[in-house]
């Protein structure tokens, strides 16, 4: 009977040790799972921040569009001004030629 009690005490002690070890393992697993979840959330936040920085904001897109339109208007205006300037230069050249001929006629008179 004494042998049985010793054996039962040993089993009981072994069972308690096993329960304790199981609790330690469960706690370690919970801690690891929590750390993994925290790391996963941090990674998702970093990816979201990176994505947000890579994508231009709506007001930036609008400003870029407006500046491109403005640049096109300036280019068009510059081309028109250059064409007008070329026309004026041709007219000045023609007038100088006419003036020179008029001067020759005046001198001849």
Protein backbone atom coordinates (compact mmCIF):
# COMPACT_ATOMS: atom_id res chain seq x y z
CA UNK A 1 0.00 0.00 0.00
CA UNK A 2 2.91 2.27 0.86
CA UNK A 3 4.52 1.50 -2.50
CA UNK A 4 1.24 2.46 -4.19
CA UNK A 5 1.10 5.79 -2.36
CA UNK A 6 4.72 6.55 -3.25
CA UNK A 7 4.01 5.65 -6.83
CA UNK A 8 0.84 7.78 -6.78
CA UNK A 9 2.75 10.68 -5.18
CA UNK A 10 5.46 10.38 -7.83
CA UNK A 11 2.81 10.38 -10.58
CA UNK A 12 1.03 13.30 -8.95
CA UNK A 13 4.30 15.22 -8.65
CA UNK A 14 5.17 14.38 -12.24
CA UNK A 15 1.71 15.50 -13.35
CA UNK A 16 2.11 18.81 -11.48
CA UNK A 17 5.54 19.32 -13.04
CA UNK A 18 4.04 18.58 -16.45
CA UNK A 19 1.17 21.04 -15.80
CA UNK A 20 3.70 23.68 -14.75
CA UNK A 21 5.81 23.04 -17.85
CA UNK A 22 2.66 23.24 -19.98
CA UNK A 23 1.77 26.60 -18.39
CA UNK A 24 5.27 27.92 -19.08
CA UNK A 25 5.05 26.74 -22.69
CA UNK A 26 1.56 28.26 -23.08
CA UNK A 27 2.82 31.56 -21.66
CA UNK A 28 5.83 31.50 -23.99
CA UNK A 29 3.56 30.70 -26.94
CA UNK A 30 1.18 33.53 -26.01
CA UNK A 31 4.11 35.93 -25.67
CA UNK A 32 5.54 34.85 -29.03
CA UNK A 33 2.13 35.13 -30.67
CA UNK A 34 1.65 38.60 -29.21
CA UNK A 35 5.10 39.69 -30.41
CA UNK A 36 4.39 38.27 -33.85
CA UNK A 37 1.04 40.10 -34.01
CA UNK A 38 2.69 43.36 -32.88
CA UNK A 39 5.42 42.95 -35.51
CA UNK A 40 2.77 42.22 -38.14
CA UNK A 41 0.83 45.38 -37.21
CA UNK A 42 4.03 47.43 -37.30
CA UNK A 43 4.88 46.04 -40.73
CA UNK A 44 1.38 46.81 -42.02
CA UNK A 45 1.70 50.37 -40.67
CA UNK A 46 5.09 50.83 -42.35
CA UNK A 47 3.75 49.51 -45.64
CA UNK A 48 0.72 51.81 -45.41
CA UNK A 49 2.99 54.80 -44.66
CA UNK A 50 5.23 53.91 -47.59
CA UNK A 51 2.25 53.52 -49.89
CA UNK A 52 0.83 56.86 -48.74
CA UNK A 53 4.14 58.60 -49.43
CA UNK A 54 4.44 57.02 -52.86
CA UNK A 55 0.96 58.15 -53.88
CA UNK A 56 0.60 61.88 -54.55
CA UNK A 57 -2.10 63.67 -52.62
CA UNK A 58 -5.13 64.99 -54.50
CA UNK A 59 -4.05 68.61 -54.09
CA UNK A 60 -0.59 67.72 -55.44
CA UNK A 61 -2.16 66.07 -58.47
CA UNK A 62 -4.33 69.17 -59.03
CA UNK A 63 -1.33 71.49 -58.70
CA UNK A 64 0.68 69.42 -61.18
CA UNK A 65 -2.23 69.45 -63.65
CA UNK A 66 -2.65 73.23 -63.27
CA UNK A 67 1.08 73.85 -63.73
CA UNK A 68 1.18 71.69 -66.85
CA UNK A 69 -1.75 73.62 -68.33
CA UNK A 70 -0.07 76.91 -67.45
CA UNK A 71 3.21 75.76 -69.01
CA UNK A 72 1.33 74.83 -72.21
CA UNK A 73 -0.34 78.26 -72.30
CA UNK A 74 3.08 79.94 -71.93
CA UNK A 75 4.56 77.77 -74.69
CA UNK A 76 1.66 78.63 -76.99
CA UNK A 77 2.00 82.31 -76.16
CA UNK A 78 5.76 82.20 -76.73
CA UNK A 79 5.26 80.56 -80.13
CA UNK A 80 2.68 83.18 -81.06
CA UNK A 81 5.01 85.96 -79.88
CA UNK A 82 7.89 84.50 -81.90
CA UNK A 83 5.68 84.37 -85.00
CA UNK A 84 4.54 87.96 -84.39
CA UNK A 85 8.16 89.05 -83.94
CA UNK A 86 9.16 87.37 -87.20
CA UNK A 87 6.30 89.16 -88.98
CA UNK A 88 7.30 92.52 -87.48
CA UNK A 89 10.96 91.97 -88.46
CA UNK A 90 9.91 91.20 -92.04
CA UNK A 91 7.71 94.31 -92.13
CA UNK A 92 10.57 96.46 -90.76
CA UNK A 93 12.91 95.04 -93.40
CA UNK A 94 10.34 95.79 -96.12
CA UNK A 95 9.84 99.32 -94.79
CA UNK A 96 13.60 99.92 -94.72
CA UNK A 97 13.78 98.77 -98.31
CA UNK A 98 10.94 101.13 -99.28
CA UNK A 99 12.57 103.95 -97.31
CA UNK A 100 15.85 103.37 -99.12
CA UNK A 101 14.09 103.52 -102.50
CA UNK A 102 12.24 106.67 -101.49
CA UNK A 103 15.55 108.25 -100.43
CA UNK A 104 17.06 107.38 -103.83
CA UNK A 105 14.04 108.94 -105.59
CA UNK A 106 14.29 112.05 -103.42
CA UNK A 107 18.01 112.39 -104.10
CA UNK A 108 17.40 111.91 -107.83
CA UNK A 109 14.88 114.75 -107.88
